[in-house]
Amino acid sequence: MTWASWTTTGVFAGRGGVRTDDAGVLSGNLTVHTTWSGCEAQVAVQYTGGSDWFTVTGSPVRCVSEEGSRLLHQAVVDAVRAGGAATVPQDIPAATWRDGAGPS
């Protein structure tokens, strides 16, 4: 199985932070991590330097290409920086999904 992962440290969450399934809204200095495994991407955040990972609301998302998962990772990083209880963006490029129909 093909897989890839990306990690961005030192992401300062904008006002309102990022919404997680596990711990509610997180804010401050965060690390964003995306793991892609063939057909979906999992996105999590942690306090930079921490040990616990929290699933970002909206993850996992269907994603069938490594390139698409990299675009998704950057979109999440940008959303976290913007704040507003950010979640995994649902308006990422259609090329991310096999049929171009978006997340299911």
Protein backbone atom coordinates (compact mmCIF):
# COMPACT_ATOMS: atom_id res chain seq x y z
CA MET A 1 0.00 0.00 0.00
CA THR A 2 1.19 3.51 -0.84
CA TRP A 3 1.32 6.08 1.93
CA ALA A 4 2.83 9.47 2.76
CA SER A 5 2.76 11.88 5.66
CA TRP A 6 3.39 15.54 6.31
CA THR A 7 3.98 17.41 9.55
CA THR A 8 4.05 21.16 10.04
CA THR A 9 5.19 22.47 13.42
CA GLY A 10 4.82 25.93 14.89
CA VAL A 11 1.36 26.60 13.47
CA PHE A 12 -0.19 29.36 15.57
CA ALA A 13 -3.96 28.89 15.53
CA GLY A 14 -5.93 31.99 14.71
CA ARG A 15 -8.66 33.35 16.95
CA GLY A 16 -11.12 30.54 17.66
CA GLY A 17 -8.54 27.76 17.10
CA VAL A 18 -9.13 24.39 15.47
CA ARG A 19 -12.01 22.02 16.27
CA THR A 20 -11.13 18.44 17.20
CA ASP A 21 -13.29 15.37 17.75
CA ASP A 22 -11.37 14.41 20.88
CA ALA A 23 -10.70 17.59 22.83
CA GLY A 24 -12.94 20.34 21.50
CA VAL A 25 -11.24 23.50 20.27
CA LEU A 26 -7.45 23.81 20.56
CA SER A 27 -5.54 27.08 20.23
CA GLY A 28 -1.99 28.31 20.55
CA ASN A 29 1.17 26.78 19.08
CA LEU A 30 0.13 23.57 17.30
CA THR A 31 1.59 20.85 15.09
CA VAL A 32 -0.52 19.64 12.15
CA HIS A 33 0.02 16.09 10.85
CA THR A 34 -1.55 14.46 7.79
CA THR A 35 -1.18 10.78 6.92
CA TRP A 36 -2.35 9.56 3.53
CA SER A 37 -2.80 5.86 2.79
CA GLY A 38 -3.98 5.22 -0.74
CA CYS A 39 -7.61 6.27 -0.48
CA GLU A 40 -7.96 8.58 2.50
CA ALA A 41 -6.15 11.17 4.55
CA GLN A 42 -6.19 11.39 8.35
CA VAL A 43 -5.53 14.81 9.88
CA ALA A 44 -4.55 15.40 13.50
CA VAL A 45 -3.15 18.22 15.63
CA GLN A 46 -1.24 18.40 18.87
CA TYR A 47 0.18 21.13 21.03
CA THR A 48 3.71 21.60 19.69
CA GLY A 49 6.00 19.55 21.93
CA GLY A 50 3.08 17.56 23.33
CA SER A 51 2.50 13.82 23.07
CA ASP A 52 -1.26 13.56 22.52
CA TRP A 53 -2.74 13.79 19.01
CA PHE A 54 -6.31 14.96 18.40
CA THR A 55 -8.34 14.21 15.27
CA VAL A 56 -9.36 17.37 13.40
CA THR A 57 -13.12 17.47 12.85
CA GLY A 58 -13.88 16.34 9.31
CA SER A 59 -11.08 13.75 9.24
CA PRO A 60 -10.62 11.26 7.69
CA VAL A 61 -11.37 12.52 4.22
CA ARG A 62 -11.44 10.52 1.01
CA CYS A 63 -8.31 11.33 -0.98
CA VAL A 64 -6.83 9.08 -3.65
CA SER A 65 -3.62 10.86 -4.63
CA GLU A 66 -0.46 11.78 -2.79
CA GLU A 67 -0.51 15.18 -4.48
CA GLY A 68 -4.09 15.73 -3.33
CA SER A 69 -3.19 14.80 0.22
CA ARG A 70 -0.36 17.34 0.19
CA LEU A 71 -2.81 20.00 -0.98
CA LEU A 72 -5.20 18.93 1.78
CA HIS A 73 -2.43 19.20 4.39
CA GLN A 74 -1.61 22.76 3.31
CA ALA A 75 -5.31 23.68 3.28
CA VAL A 76 -5.63 22.43 6.88
CA VAL A 77 -2.51 24.37 7.97
CA ASP A 78 -3.99 27.52 6.38
CA ALA A 79 -7.38 26.89 8.02
CA VAL A 80 -5.77 26.42 11.46
CA ARG A 81 -3.85 29.69 11.02
CA ALA A 82 -7.12 31.41 10.12
CA GLY A 83 -8.85 30.02 13.24
CA GLY A 84 -12.60 30.25 13.66
CA ALA A 85 -12.88 26.68 15.03
CA ALA A 86 -11.27 25.40 11.83
CA THR A 87 -12.11 21.93 10.53
CA VAL A 88 -10.81 19.87 7.62
CA PRO A 89 -11.79 21.96 4.59
CA GLN A 90 -14.48 20.37 2.45
CA ASP A 91 -13.75 22.58 -0.58
CA ILE A 92 -10.33 21.24 -1.54
CA PRO A 93 -9.58 20.66 -5.24
CA ALA A 94 -11.77 18.07 -6.96
CA ALA A 95 -8.62 16.33 -8.26
CA THR A 96 -8.14 15.08 -4.71
CA TRP A 97 -11.03 12.64 -5.17
CA ARG A 98 -11.23 9.83 -7.70
CA ASP A 99 -14.56 10.85 -9.20
CA GLY A 100 -14.26 14.60 -8.56
CA ALA A 101 -17.44 14.49 -6.47
CA GLY A 102 -15.88 15.65 -3.20
CA PRO A 103 -15.89 14.07 0.24
CA SER A 104 -18.49 11.47 1.08
